[in-house]
PDB file of all heavy atoms in Angstrom:
ATOM      1  N   ASP A   1      83.629 -32.399 -25.389  1.00  0.00           N
ATOM      2  CA  ASP A   1      83.709 -33.295 -26.540  1.00  0.00           C
ATOM      3  C   ASP A   1      82.409 -34.081 -26.584  1.00  0.00           C
ATOM      4  O   ASP A   1      82.184 -34.992 -25.770  1.00  0.00           O
ATOM      5  CB  ASP A   1      84.909 -34.240 -26.420  1.00  0.00           C
ATOM      6  CG  ASP A   1      85.159 -35.023 -27.696  1.00  0.00           C
ATOM      7  OD1 ASP A   1      84.199 -35.646 -28.204  1.00  0.00           O
ATOM      8  OD2 ASP A   1      86.305 -35.021 -28.190  1.00  0.00           O
ATOM      9  N   ARG A   2      81.548 -33.743 -27.515  1.00  0.00           N
ATOM     10  CA  ARG A   2      80.213 -34.335 -27.557  1.00  0.00           C
ATOM     11  C   ARG A   2      80.269 -35.819 -27.882  1.00  0.00           C
ATOM     12  O   ARG A   2      79.454 -36.609 -27.371  1.00  0.00           O
ATOM     13  CB  ARG A   2      79.336 -33.594 -28.569  1.00  0.00           C
ATOM     14  CG  ARG A   2      79.263 -32.082 -28.356  1.00  0.00           C
ATOM     15  CD  ARG A   2      78.127 -31.453 -29.133  1.00  0.00           C
ATOM     16  NE  ARG A   2      76.847 -31.810 -28.541  1.00  0.00           N
ATOM     17  CZ  ARG A   2      76.314 -31.185 -27.488  1.00  0.00           C
ATOM     18  NH1 ARG A   2      76.951 -30.186 -26.924  1.00  0.00           N
ATOM     19  NH2 ARG A   2      75.150 -31.574 -27.003  1.00  0.00           N
ATOM     20  N   ASP A   3      81.198 -36.229 -28.734  1.00  0.00           N
ATOM     21  CA  ASP A   3      81.299 -37.644 -29.096  1.00  0.00           C
ATOM     22  C   ASP A   3      81.733 -38.487 -27.901  1.00  0.00           C
ATOM     23  O   ASP A   3      81.169 -39.556 -27.641  1.00  0.00           O
ATOM     24  CB  ASP A   3      82.288 -37.829 -30.253  1.00  0.00           C
ATOM     25  CG  ASP A   3      81.765 -37.247 -31.550  1.00  0.00           C
ATOM     26  OD1 ASP A   3      80.598 -37.513 -31.890  1.00  0.00           O
ATOM     27  OD2 ASP A   3      82.509 -36.510 -32.230  1.00  0.00           O
ATOM     28  N   LEU A   4      82.746 -38.024 -27.174  1.00  0.00           N
ATOM     29  CA  LEU A   4      83.215 -38.775 -26.004  1.00  0.00           C
ATOM     30  C   LEU A   4      82.162 -38.783 -24.899  1.00  0.00           C
ATOM     31  O   LEU A   4      81.995 -39.789 -24.200  1.00  0.00           O
ATOM     32  CB  LEU A   4      84.525 -38.183 -25.485  1.00  0.00           C
ATOM     33  CG  LEU A   4      85.754 -38.377 -26.378  1.00  0.00           C
ATOM     34  CD1 LEU A   4      86.964 -37.678 -25.776  1.00  0.00           C
ATOM     35  CD2 LEU A   4      86.045 -39.864 -26.576  1.00  0.00           C
ATOM     36  N   ALA A   5      81.448 -37.680 -24.735  1.00  0.00           N
ATOM     37  CA  ALA A   5      80.383 -37.641 -23.725  1.00  0.00           C
ATOM     38  C   ALA A   5      79.280 -38.630 -24.077  1.00  0.00           C
ATOM     39  O   ALA A   5      78.753 -39.339 -23.205  1.00  0.00           O
ATOM     40  CB  ALA A   5      79.824 -36.228 -23.607  1.00  0.00           C
ATOM     41  N   ALA A   6      78.923 -38.700 -25.367  1.00  0.00           N
ATOM     42  CA  ALA A   6      77.909 -39.661 -25.809  1.00  0.00           C
ATOM     43  C   ALA A   6      78.385 -41.091 -25.579  1.00  0.00           C
ATOM     44  O   ALA A   6      77.611 -41.958 -25.146  1.00  0.00           O
ATOM     45  CB  ALA A   6      77.587 -39.438 -27.284  1.00  0.00           C
ATOM     46  N   LEU A   7      79.653 -41.352 -25.861  1.00  0.00           N
ATOM     47  CA  LEU A   7      80.222 -42.688 -25.633  1.00  0.00           C
ATOM     48  C   LEU A   7      80.158 -43.057 -24.150  1.00  0.00           C
ATOM     49  O   LEU A   7      79.812 -44.191 -23.800  1.00  0.00           O
ATOM     50  CB  LEU A   7      81.665 -42.727 -26.126  1.00  0.00           C
ATOM     51  CG  LEU A   7      82.439 -44.023 -25.866  1.00  0.00           C
ATOM     52  CD1 LEU A   7      81.753 -45.210 -26.535  1.00  0.00           C
ATOM     53  CD2 LEU A   7      83.882 -43.895 -26.348  1.00  0.00           C
ATOM     54  N   SER A   8      80.478 -42.115 -23.285  1.00  0.00           N
ATOM     55  CA  SER A   8      80.473 -42.416 -21.851  1.00  0.00           C
ATOM     56  C   SER A   8      79.053 -42.687 -21.353  1.00  0.00           C
ATOM     57  O   SER A   8      78.844 -43.534 -20.475  1.00  0.00           O
ATOM     58  CB  SER A   8      81.103 -41.266 -21.062  1.00  0.00           C
ATOM     59  OG  SER A   8      80.307 -40.099 -21.115  1.00  0.00           O
ATOM     60  N   ILE A   9      78.057 -41.988 -21.920  1.00  0.00           N
ATOM     61  CA  ILE A   9      76.663 -42.240 -21.541  1.00  0.00           C
ATOM     62  C   ILE A   9      76.246 -43.644 -21.968  1.00  0.00           C
ATOM     63  O   ILE A   9      75.584 -44.374 -21.217  1.00  0.00           O
ATOM     64  CB  ILE A   9      75.737 -41.182 -22.161  1.00  0.00           C
ATOM     65  CG1 ILE A   9      75.991 -39.817 -21.505  1.00  0.00           C
ATOM     66  CG2 ILE A   9      74.275 -41.582 -22.007  1.00  0.00           C
ATOM     67  CD1 ILE A   9      75.271 -38.658 -22.187  1.00  0.00           C
ATOM     68  N   LYS A  10      76.644 -44.034 -23.178  1.00  0.00           N
ATOM     69  CA  LYS A  10      76.308 -45.383 -23.663  1.00  0.00           C
ATOM     70  C   LYS A  10      77.010 -46.441 -22.823  1.00  0.00           C
ATOM     71  O   LYS A  10      76.394 -47.433 -22.412  1.00  0.00           O
ATOM     72  CB  LYS A  10      76.712 -45.519 -25.135  1.00  0.00           C
ATOM     73  CG  LYS A  10      76.377 -46.882 -25.723  1.00  0.00           C
ATOM     74  CD  LYS A  10      76.677 -46.940 -27.205  1.00  0.00           C
ATOM     75  CE  LYS A  10      76.290 -48.302 -27.789  1.00  0.00           C
ATOM     76  NZ  LYS A  10      76.517 -48.377 -29.247  1.00  0.00           N
ATOM     77  N   GLN A  11      78.277 -46.240 -22.539  1.00  0.00           N
ATOM     78  CA  GLN A  11      79.047 -47.221 -21.774  1.00  0.00           C
ATOM     79  C   GLN A  11      78.508 -47.374 -20.358  1.00  0.00           C
ATOM     80  O   GLN A  11      78.538 -48.472 -19.785  1.00  0.00           O
ATOM     81  CB  GLN A  11      80.520 -46.808 -21.729  1.00  0.00           C
ATOM     82  CG  GLN A  11      81.422 -47.816 -21.033  1.00  0.00           C
ATOM     83  CD  GLN A  11      82.882 -47.417 -21.129  1.00  0.00           C
ATOM     84  OE1 GLN A  11      83.296 -46.732 -22.061  1.00  0.00           O
ATOM     85  NE2 GLN A  11      83.675 -47.854 -20.163  1.00  0.00           N
ATOM     86  N   SER A  12      77.999 -46.293 -19.793  1.00  0.00           N
ATOM     87  CA  SER A  12      77.519 -46.324 -18.408  1.00  0.00           C
ATOM     88  C   SER A  12      76.051 -46.717 -18.296  1.00  0.00           C
ATOM     89  O   SER A  12      75.484 -46.681 -17.204  1.00  0.00           O
ATOM     90  CB  SER A  12      77.713 -44.949 -17.763  1.00  0.00           C
ATOM     91  OG  SER A  12      76.896 -43.983 -18.396  1.00  0.00           O
ATOM     92  N   ARG A  13      75.419 -47.057 -19.416  1.00  0.00           N
ATOM     93  CA  ARG A  13      74.003 -47.438 -19.445  1.00  0.00           C
ATOM     94  C   ARG A  13      73.109 -46.305 -18.962  1.00  0.00           C
ATOM     95  O   ARG A  13      72.046 -46.532 -18.397  1.00  0.00           O
ATOM     96  CB  ARG A  13      73.748 -48.697 -18.601  1.00  0.00           C
ATOM     97  CG  ARG A  13      74.488 -49.940 -19.031  1.00  0.00           C
ATOM     98  CD  ARG A  13      74.230 -51.092 -18.096  1.00  0.00           C
ATOM     99  NE  ARG A  13      72.821 -51.501 -18.088  1.00  0.00           N
ATOM    100  CZ  ARG A  13      72.277 -52.265 -17.132  1.00  0.00           C
ATOM    101  NH1 ARG A  13      73.016 -52.672 -16.111  1.00  0.00           N
ATOM    102  NH2 ARG A  13      71.006 -52.594 -17.195  1.00  0.00           N
ATOM    103  N   GLY A  14      73.554 -45.063 -19.165  1.00  0.00           N
ATOM    104  CA  GLY A  14      72.734 -43.927 -18.775  1.00  0.00           C
ATOM    105  C   GLY A  14      72.941 -43.460 -17.349  1.00  0.00           C
ATOM    106  O   GLY A  14      72.266 -42.530 -16.902  1.00  0.00           O
ATOM    107  N   ASP A  15      73.859 -44.095 -16.629  1.00  0.00           N
ATOM    108  CA  ASP A  15      74.197 -43.632 -15.276  1.00  0.00           C
ATOM    109  C   ASP A  15      75.062 -42.376 -15.422  1.00  0.00           C
ATOM    110  O   ASP A  15      76.232 -42.448 -15.785  1.00  0.00           O
ATOM    111  CB  ASP A  15      74.971 -44.725 -14.536  1.00  0.00           C
ATOM    112  CG  ASP A  15      75.285 -44.358 -13.091  1.00  0.00           C
ATOM    113  OD1 ASP A  15      75.428 -43.153 -12.788  1.00  0.00           O
ATOM    114  OD2 ASP A  15      75.409 -45.274 -12.266  1.00  0.00           O
ATOM    115  N   MET A  16      74.480 -41.208 -15.133  1.00  0.00           N
ATOM    116  CA  MET A  16      75.144 -39.951 -15.444  1.00  0.00           C
ATOM    117  C   MET A  16      76.447 -39.771 -14.654  1.00  0.00           C
ATOM    118  O   MET A  16      77.445 -39.301 -15.191  1.00  0.00           O
ATOM    119  CB  MET A  16      74.201 -38.784 -15.171  1.00  0.00           C
ATOM    120  CG  MET A  16      72.925 -38.830 -15.985  1.00  0.00           C
ATOM    121  SD  MET A  16      73.254 -38.870 -17.763  1.00  0.00           S
ATOM    122  CE  MET A  16      73.875 -37.220 -17.996  1.00  0.00           C
ATOM    123  N   ILE A  17      76.432 -40.121 -13.385  1.00  0.00           N
ATOM    124  CA  ILE A  17      77.641 -39.924 -12.578  1.00  0.00           C
ATOM    125  C   ILE A  17      78.741 -40.869 -13.034  1.00  0.00           C
ATOM    126  O   ILE A  17      79.921 -40.498 -13.086  1.00  0.00           O
ATOM    127  CB  ILE A  17      77.320 -40.095 -11.081  1.00  0.00           C
ATOM    128  CG1 ILE A  17      76.397 -38.967 -10.625  1.00  0.00           C
ATOM    129  CG2 ILE A  17      78.601 -40.116 -10.242  1.00  0.00           C
ATOM    130  CD1 ILE A  17      76.018 -38.999  -9.164  1.00  0.00           C
ATOM    131  N   GLU A  18      78.379 -42.088 -13.399  1.00  0.00           N
ATOM    132  CA  GLU A  18      79.380 -43.017 -13.941  1.00  0.00           C
ATOM    133  C   GLU A  18      79.935 -42.477 -15.258  1.00  0.00           C
ATOM    134  O   GLU A  18      81.140 -42.566 -15.523  1.00  0.00           O
ATOM    135  CB  GLU A  18      78.738 -44.384 -14.159  1.00  0.00           C
ATOM    136  CG  GLU A  18      79.667 -45.437 -14.771  1.00  0.00           C
ATOM    137  CD  GLU A  18      80.794 -45.872 -13.849  1.00  0.00           C
ATOM    138  OE1 GLU A  18      80.704 -45.621 -12.634  1.00  0.00           O
ATOM    139  OE2 GLU A  18      81.768 -46.469 -14.353  1.00  0.00           O
ATOM    140  N   ALA A  19      79.072 -41.896 -16.099  1.00  0.00           N
ATOM    141  CA  ALA A  19      79.519 -41.306 -17.367  1.00  0.00           C
ATOM    142  C   ALA A  19      80.476 -40.152 -17.112  1.00  0.00           C
ATOM    143  O   ALA A  19      81.508 -40.000 -17.789  1.00  0.00           O
ATOM    144  CB  ALA A  19      78.325 -40.843 -18.183  1.00  0.00           C
ATOM    145  N   ILE A  20      80.151 -39.309 -16.129  1.00  0.00           N
ATOM    146  CA  ILE A  20      81.024 -38.188 -15.767  1.00  0.00           C
ATOM    147  C   ILE A  20      82.366 -38.708 -15.273  1.00  0.00           C
ATOM    148  O   ILE A  20      83.429 -38.179 -15.619  1.00  0.00           O
ATOM    149  CB  ILE A  20      80.339 -37.317 -14.698  1.00  0.00           C
ATOM    150  CG1 ILE A  20      79.126 -36.592 -15.309  1.00  0.00           C
ATOM    151  CG2 ILE A  20      81.304 -36.315 -14.082  1.00  0.00           C
ATOM    152  CD1 ILE A  20      78.130 -36.083 -14.290  1.00  0.00           C
ATOM    153  N   PHE A  21      82.328 -39.765 -14.479  1.00  0.00           N
ATOM    154  CA  PHE A  21      83.552 -40.397 -13.966  1.00  0.00           C
ATOM    155  C   PHE A  21      84.424 -40.873 -15.126  1.00  0.00           C
ATOM    156  O   PHE A  21      85.643 -40.636 -15.163  1.00  0.00           O
ATOM    157  CB  PHE A  21      83.169 -41.569 -13.057  1.00  0.00           C
ATOM    158  CG  PHE A  21      84.240 -41.991 -12.097  1.00  0.00           C
ATOM    159  CD1 PHE A  21      83.908 -42.651 -10.931  1.00  0.00           C
ATOM    160  CD2 PHE A  21      85.586 -41.757 -12.343  1.00  0.00           C
ATOM    161  CE1 PHE A  21      84.882 -43.055 -10.033  1.00  0.00           C
ATOM    162  CE2 PHE A  21      86.572 -42.160 -11.459  1.00  0.00           C
ATOM    163  CZ  PHE A  21      86.225 -42.814 -10.306  1.00  0.00           C
ATOM    164  N   LEU A  22      83.808 -41.548 -16.102  1.00  0.00           N
ATOM    165  CA  LEU A  22      84.559 -42.059 -17.256  1.00  0.00           C
ATOM    166  C   LEU A  22      85.220 -40.925 -18.035  1.00  0.00           C
ATOM    167  O   LEU A  22      86.388 -41.023 -18.428  1.00  0.00           O
ATOM    168  CB  LEU A  22      83.617 -42.844 -18.178  1.00  0.00           C
ATOM    169  CG  LEU A  22      83.112 -44.196 -17.675  1.00  0.00           C
ATOM    170  CD1 LEU A  22      81.992 -44.706 -18.570  1.00  0.00           C
ATOM    171  CD2 LEU A  22      84.248 -45.205 -17.609  1.00  0.00           C
ATOM    172  N   LEU A  23      84.462 -39.853 -18.264  1.00  0.00           N
ATOM    173  CA  LEU A  23      85.003 -38.738 -19.035  1.00  0.00           C
ATOM    174  C   LEU A  23      86.105 -38.025 -18.266  1.00  0.00           C
ATOM    175  O   LEU A  23      87.129 -37.636 -18.844  1.00  0.00           O
ATOM    176  CB  LEU A  23      83.882 -37.754 -19.386  1.00  0.00           C
ATOM    177  CG  LEU A  23      84.193 -36.790 -20.532  1.00  0.00           C
ATOM    178  CD1 LEU A  23      84.383 -37.542 -21.835  1.00  0.00           C
ATOM    179  CD2 LEU A  23      83.083 -35.753 -20.679  1.00  0.00           C
ATOM    180  N   ARG A  24      85.917 -37.866 -16.957  1.00  0.00           N
ATOM    181  CA  ARG A  24      86.938 -37.214 -16.132  1.00  0.00           C
ATOM    182  C   ARG A  24      88.225 -38.042 -16.137  1.00  0.00           C
ATOM    183  O   ARG A  24      89.329 -37.493 -16.204  1.00  0.00           O
ATOM    184  CB  ARG A  24      86.402 -37.061 -14.714  1.00  0.00           C
ATOM    185  CG  ARG A  24      87.241 -36.218 -13.768  1.00  0.00           C
ATOM    186  CD  ARG A  24      86.871 -34.763 -13.795  1.00  0.00           C
ATOM    187  NE  ARG A  24      85.536 -34.446 -13.332  1.00  0.00           N
ATOM    188  CZ  ARG A  24      85.194 -34.265 -12.056  1.00  0.00           C
ATOM    189  NH1 ARG A  24      86.113 -34.383 -11.106  1.00  0.00           N
ATOM    190  NH2 ARG A  24      83.957 -33.942 -11.733  1.00  0.00           N
ATOM    191  N   ALA A  25      88.092 -39.370 -16.053  1.00  0.00           N
ATOM    192  CA  ALA A  25      89.270 -40.240 -16.063  1.00  0.00           C
ATOM    193  C   ALA A  25      90.006 -40.135 -17.396  1.00  0.00           C
ATOM    194  O   ALA A  25      91.243 -40.081 -17.444  1.00  0.00           O
ATOM    195  CB  ALA A  25      88.849 -41.686 -15.789  1.00  0.00           C
ATOM    196  N   TYR A  26      89.244 -40.110 -18.503  1.00  0.00           N
ATOM    197  CA  TYR A  26      89.874 -39.977 -19.817  1.00  0.00           C
ATOM    198  C   TYR A  26      90.595 -38.644 -19.940  1.00  0.00           C
ATOM    199  O   TYR A  26      91.681 -38.556 -20.522  1.00  0.00           O
ATOM    200  CB  TYR A  26      88.822 -40.118 -20.918  1.00  0.00           C
ATOM    201  CG  TYR A  26      89.384 -39.956 -22.309  1.00  0.00           C
ATOM    202  CD1 TYR A  26      90.067 -41.000 -22.924  1.00  0.00           C
ATOM    203  CD2 TYR A  26      89.251 -38.751 -23.000  1.00  0.00           C
ATOM    204  CE1 TYR A  26      90.601 -40.845 -24.201  1.00  0.00           C
ATOM    205  CE2 TYR A  26      89.780 -38.594 -24.263  1.00  0.00           C
ATOM    206  CZ  TYR A  26      90.452 -39.642 -24.858  1.00  0.00           C
ATOM    207  OH  TYR A  26      90.994 -39.483 -26.109  1.00  0.00           O
ATOM    208  N   ARG A  27      90.004 -37.616 -19.384  1.00  0.00           N
ATOM    209  CA  ARG A  27      90.585 -36.275 -19.461  1.00  0.00           C
ATOM    210  C   ARG A  27      91.995 -36.232 -18.859  1.00  0.00           C
ATOM    211  O   ARG A  27      92.864 -35.508 -19.345  1.00  0.00           O
ATOM    212  CB  ARG A  27      89.666 -35.287 -18.723  1.00  0.00           C
ATOM    213  CG  ARG A  27      90.117 -33.849 -18.723  1.00  0.00           C
ATOM    214  CD  ARG A  27      89.151 -33.028 -17.871  1.00  0.00           C
ATOM    215  NE  ARG A  27      89.441 -31.603 -17.928  1.00  0.00           N
ATOM    216  CZ  ARG A  27      90.335 -30.997 -17.161  1.00  0.00           C
ATOM    217  NH1 ARG A  27      91.019 -31.701 -16.265  1.00  0.00           N
ATOM    218  NH2 ARG A  27      90.541 -29.700 -17.279  1.00  0.00           N
ATOM    219  N   THR A  28      92.205 -37.005 -17.809  1.00  0.00           N
ATOM    220  CA  THR A  28      93.522 -36.983 -17.150  1.00  0.00           C
ATOM    221  C   THR A  28      94.626 -37.566 -18.031  1.00  0.00           C
ATOM    222  O   THR A  28      95.806 -37.355 -17.753  1.00  0.00           O
ATOM    223  CB  THR A  28      93.485 -37.780 -15.829  1.00  0.00           C
ATOM    224  OG1 THR A  28      93.204 -39.159 -16.096  1.00  0.00           O
ATOM    225  CG2 THR A  28      92.436 -37.212 -14.890  1.00  0.00           C
ATOM    226  N   THR A  29      94.260 -38.293 -19.103  1.00  0.00           N
ATOM    227  CA  THR A  29      95.273 -38.893 -19.977  1.00  0.00           C
ATOM    228  C   THR A  29      95.686 -37.964 -21.106  1.00  0.00           C
ATOM    229  O   THR A  29      96.625 -38.270 -21.849  1.00  0.00           O
ATOM    230  CB  THR A  29      94.739 -40.202 -20.604  1.00  0.00           C
ATOM    231  OG1 THR A  29      93.679 -39.895 -21.532  1.00  0.00           O
ATOM    232  CG2 THR A  29      94.210 -41.135 -19.538  1.00  0.00           C
ATOM    233  N   LEU A  30      94.993 -36.842 -21.263  1.00  0.00           N
ATOM    234  CA  LEU A  30      95.240 -35.958 -22.401  1.00  0.00           C
ATOM    235  C   LEU A  30      96.413 -35.018 -22.136  1.00  0.00           C
ATOM    236  O   LEU A  30      96.573 -34.518 -21.014  1.00  0.00           O
ATOM    237  CB  LEU A  30      93.989 -35.134 -22.716  1.00  0.00           C
ATOM    238  CG  LEU A  30      92.733 -35.928 -23.073  1.00  0.00           C
ATOM    239  CD1 LEU A  30      91.556 -34.989 -23.258  1.00  0.00           C
ATOM    240  CD2 LEU A  30      92.965 -36.759 -24.326  1.00  0.00           C
ATOM    241  N   PRO A  31      97.231 -34.764 -23.152  1.00  0.00           N
ATOM    242  CA  PRO A  31      98.343 -33.815 -22.982  1.00  0.00           C
ATOM    243  C   PRO A  31      97.816 -32.384 -22.937  1.00  0.00           C
ATOM    244  O   PRO A  31      96.781 -32.068 -23.522  1.00  0.00           O
ATOM    245  CB  PRO A  31      99.198 -34.045 -24.229  1.00  0.00           C
ATOM    246  CG  PRO A  31      98.223 -34.529 -25.264  1.00  0.00           C
ATOM    247  CD  PRO A  31      97.213 -35.356 -24.503  1.00  0.00           C
ATOM    248  N   ARG A  32      98.516 -31.531 -22.235  1.00  0.00           N
ATOM    249  CA  ARG A  32      98.151 -30.115 -22.162  1.00  0.00           C
ATOM    250  C   ARG A  32      99.113 -29.353 -23.069  1.00  0.00           C
ATOM    251  O   ARG A  32     100.317 -29.316 -22.810  1.00  0.00           O
ATOM    252  CB  ARG A  32      98.272 -29.622 -20.720  1.00  0.00           C
ATOM    253  CG  ARG A  32      97.802 -28.187 -20.498  1.00  0.00           C
ATOM    254  CD  ARG A  32      98.105 -27.773 -19.061  1.00  0.00           C
ATOM    255  NE  ARG A  32      97.422 -28.610 -18.108  1.00  0.00           N
ATOM    256  CZ  ARG A  32      96.256 -28.300 -17.533  1.00  0.00           C
ATOM    257  NH1 ARG A  32      95.681 -27.148 -17.821  1.00  0.00           N
ATOM    258  NH2 ARG A  32      95.684 -29.110 -16.686  1.00  0.00           N
ATOM    259  N   PHE A  33      98.583 -28.761 -24.133  1.00  0.00           N
ATOM    260  CA  PHE A  33      99.467 -28.089 -25.089  1.00  0.00           C
ATOM    261  C   PHE A  33      99.365 -26.573 -25.025  1.00  0.00           C
ATOM    262  O   PHE A  33     100.070 -25.865 -25.744  1.00  0.00           O
ATOM    263  CB  PHE A  33      99.197 -28.574 -26.520  1.00  0.00           C
ATOM    264  CG  PHE A  33      97.813 -28.276 -27.021  1.00  0.00           C
ATOM    265  CD1 PHE A  33      97.513 -27.051 -27.604  1.00  0.00           C
ATOM    266  CD2 PHE A  33      96.816 -29.216 -26.919  1.00  0.00           C
ATOM    267  CE1 PHE A  33      96.245 -26.776 -28.070  1.00  0.00           C
ATOM    268  CE2 PHE A  33      95.534 -28.940 -27.390  1.00  0.00           C
ATOM    269  CZ  PHE A  33      95.246 -27.725 -27.959  1.00  0.00           C
ATOM    270  N   GLY A  34      98.496 -26.048 -24.185  1.00  0.00           N
ATOM    271  CA  GLY A  34      98.392 -24.600 -24.081  1.00  0.00           C
ATOM    272  C   GLY A  34      97.171 -24.190 -23.294  1.00  0.00           C
ATOM    273  O   GLY A  34      96.398 -25.026 -22.830  1.00  0.00           O
ATOM    274  N   TYR A  35      97.020 -22.889 -23.150  1.00  0.00           N
ATOM    275  CA  TYR A  35      95.882 -22.313 -22.450  1.00  0.00           C
ATOM    276  C   TYR A  35      95.137 -21.381 -23.396  1.00  0.00           C
ATOM    277  O   TYR A  35      95.759 -20.640 -24.156  1.00  0.00           O
ATOM    278  CB  TYR A  35      96.333 -21.506 -21.223  1.00  0.00           C
ATOM    279  CG  TYR A  35      96.878 -22.350 -20.099  1.00  0.00           C
ATOM    280  CD1 TYR A  35      98.231 -22.677 -20.032  1.00  0.00           C
ATOM    281  CD2 TYR A  35      96.026 -22.819 -19.100  1.00  0.00           C
ATOM    282  CE1 TYR A  35      98.731 -23.444 -18.992  1.00  0.00           C
ATOM    283  CE2 TYR A  35      96.519 -23.587 -18.056  1.00  0.00           C
ATOM    284  CZ  TYR A  35      97.860 -23.898 -18.010  1.00  0.00           C
ATOM    285  OH  TYR A  35      98.347 -24.669 -16.984  1.00  0.00           O
ATOM    286  N   SER A  36      93.817 -21.429 -23.320  1.00  0.00           N
ATOM    287  CA  SER A  36      93.016 -20.517 -24.139  1.00  0.00           C
ATOM    288  C   SER A  36      92.894 -19.173 -23.444  1.00  0.00           C
ATOM    289  O   SER A  36      93.100 -19.052 -22.234  1.00  0.00           O
ATOM    290  CB  SER A  36      91.628 -21.107 -24.392  1.00  0.00           C
ATOM    291  OG  SER A  36      90.912 -21.216 -23.175  1.00  0.00           O
ATOM    292  N   GLN A  37      92.544 -18.171 -24.225  1.00  0.00           N
ATOM    293  CA  GLN A  37      92.242 -16.860 -23.664  1.00  0.00           C
ATOM    294  C   GLN A  37      90.862 -16.911 -22.993  1.00  0.00           C
ATOM    295  O   GLN A  37      90.048 -17.786 -23.310  1.00  0.00           O
ATOM    296  CB  GLN A  37      92.236 -15.805 -24.775  1.00  0.00           C
ATOM    297  CG  GLN A  37      93.570 -15.653 -25.498  1.00  0.00           C
ATOM    298  CD  GLN A  37      94.652 -15.134 -24.577  1.00  0.00           C
ATOM    299  OE1 GLN A  37      94.478 -14.126 -23.900  1.00  0.00           O
ATOM    300  NE2 GLN A  37      95.776 -15.840 -24.526  1.00  0.00           N
ATOM    301  N   PRO A  38      90.578 -16.004 -22.056  1.00  0.00           N
ATOM    302  CA  PRO A  38      89.225 -15.971 -21.480  1.00  0.00           C
ATOM    303  C   PRO A  38      88.187 -15.790 -22.578  1.00  0.00           C
ATOM    304  O   PRO A  38      88.355 -14.954 -23.464  1.00  0.00           O
ATOM    305  CB  PRO A  38      89.265 -14.749 -20.556  1.00  0.00           C
ATOM    306  CG  PRO A  38      90.718 -14.555 -20.231  1.00  0.00           C
ATOM    307  CD  PRO A  38      91.462 -14.986 -21.459  1.00  0.00           C
ATOM    308  N   ILE A  39      87.147 -16.609 -22.553  1.00  0.00           N
ATOM    309  CA  ILE A  39      86.115 -16.475 -23.583  1.00  0.00           C
ATOM    310  C   ILE A  39      85.336 -15.183 -23.355  1.00  0.00           C
ATOM    311  O   ILE A  39      85.168 -14.736 -22.222  1.00  0.00           O
ATOM    312  CB  ILE A  39      85.155 -17.681 -23.602  1.00  0.00           C
ATOM    313  CG1 ILE A  39      84.444 -17.845 -22.254  1.00  0.00           C
ATOM    314  CG2 ILE A  39      85.881 -18.950 -23.992  1.00  0.00           C
ATOM    315  CD1 ILE A  39      83.366 -18.906 -22.259  1.00  0.00           C
ATOM    316  N   ASN A  40      84.879 -14.590 -24.431  1.00  0.00           N
ATOM    317  CA  ASN A  40      84.148 -13.330 -24.366  1.00  0.00           C
ATOM    318  C   ASN A  40      82.669 -13.610 -24.592  1.00  0.00           C
ATOM    319  O   ASN A  40      82.191 -13.680 -25.724  1.00  0.00           O
ATOM    320  CB  ASN A  40      84.677 -12.351 -25.413  1.00  0.00           C
ATOM    321  CG  ASN A  40      84.042 -10.976 -25.305  1.00  0.00           C
ATOM    322  OD1 ASN A  40      83.149 -10.766 -24.488  1.00  0.00           O
ATOM    323  ND2 ASN A  40      84.497 -10.046 -26.116  1.00  0.00           N
ATOM    324  N   THR A  41      81.928 -13.794 -23.488  1.00  0.00           N
ATOM    325  CA  THR A  41      80.505 -14.107 -23.623  1.00  0.00           C
ATOM    326  C   THR A  41      79.699 -12.901 -24.093  1.00  0.00           C
ATOM    327  O   THR A  41      78.549 -13.057 -24.507  1.00  0.00           O
ATOM    328  CB  THR A  41      79.939 -14.610 -22.282  1.00  0.00           C
ATOM    329  OG1 THR A  41      80.231 -13.665 -21.244  1.00  0.00           O
ATOM    330  CG2 THR A  41      80.572 -15.956 -21.910  1.00  0.00           C
TER     331      THR A  41
END
């Protein structure tokens, strides 16, 4: 999610690991509604 990743970078003042932490924490709150098929690169 590019918007949420950008928000986490702004909130963390550019601290990449803190931004990753924020996004990972948010991810745990999301409902799981299904699984995608393997992507075909």
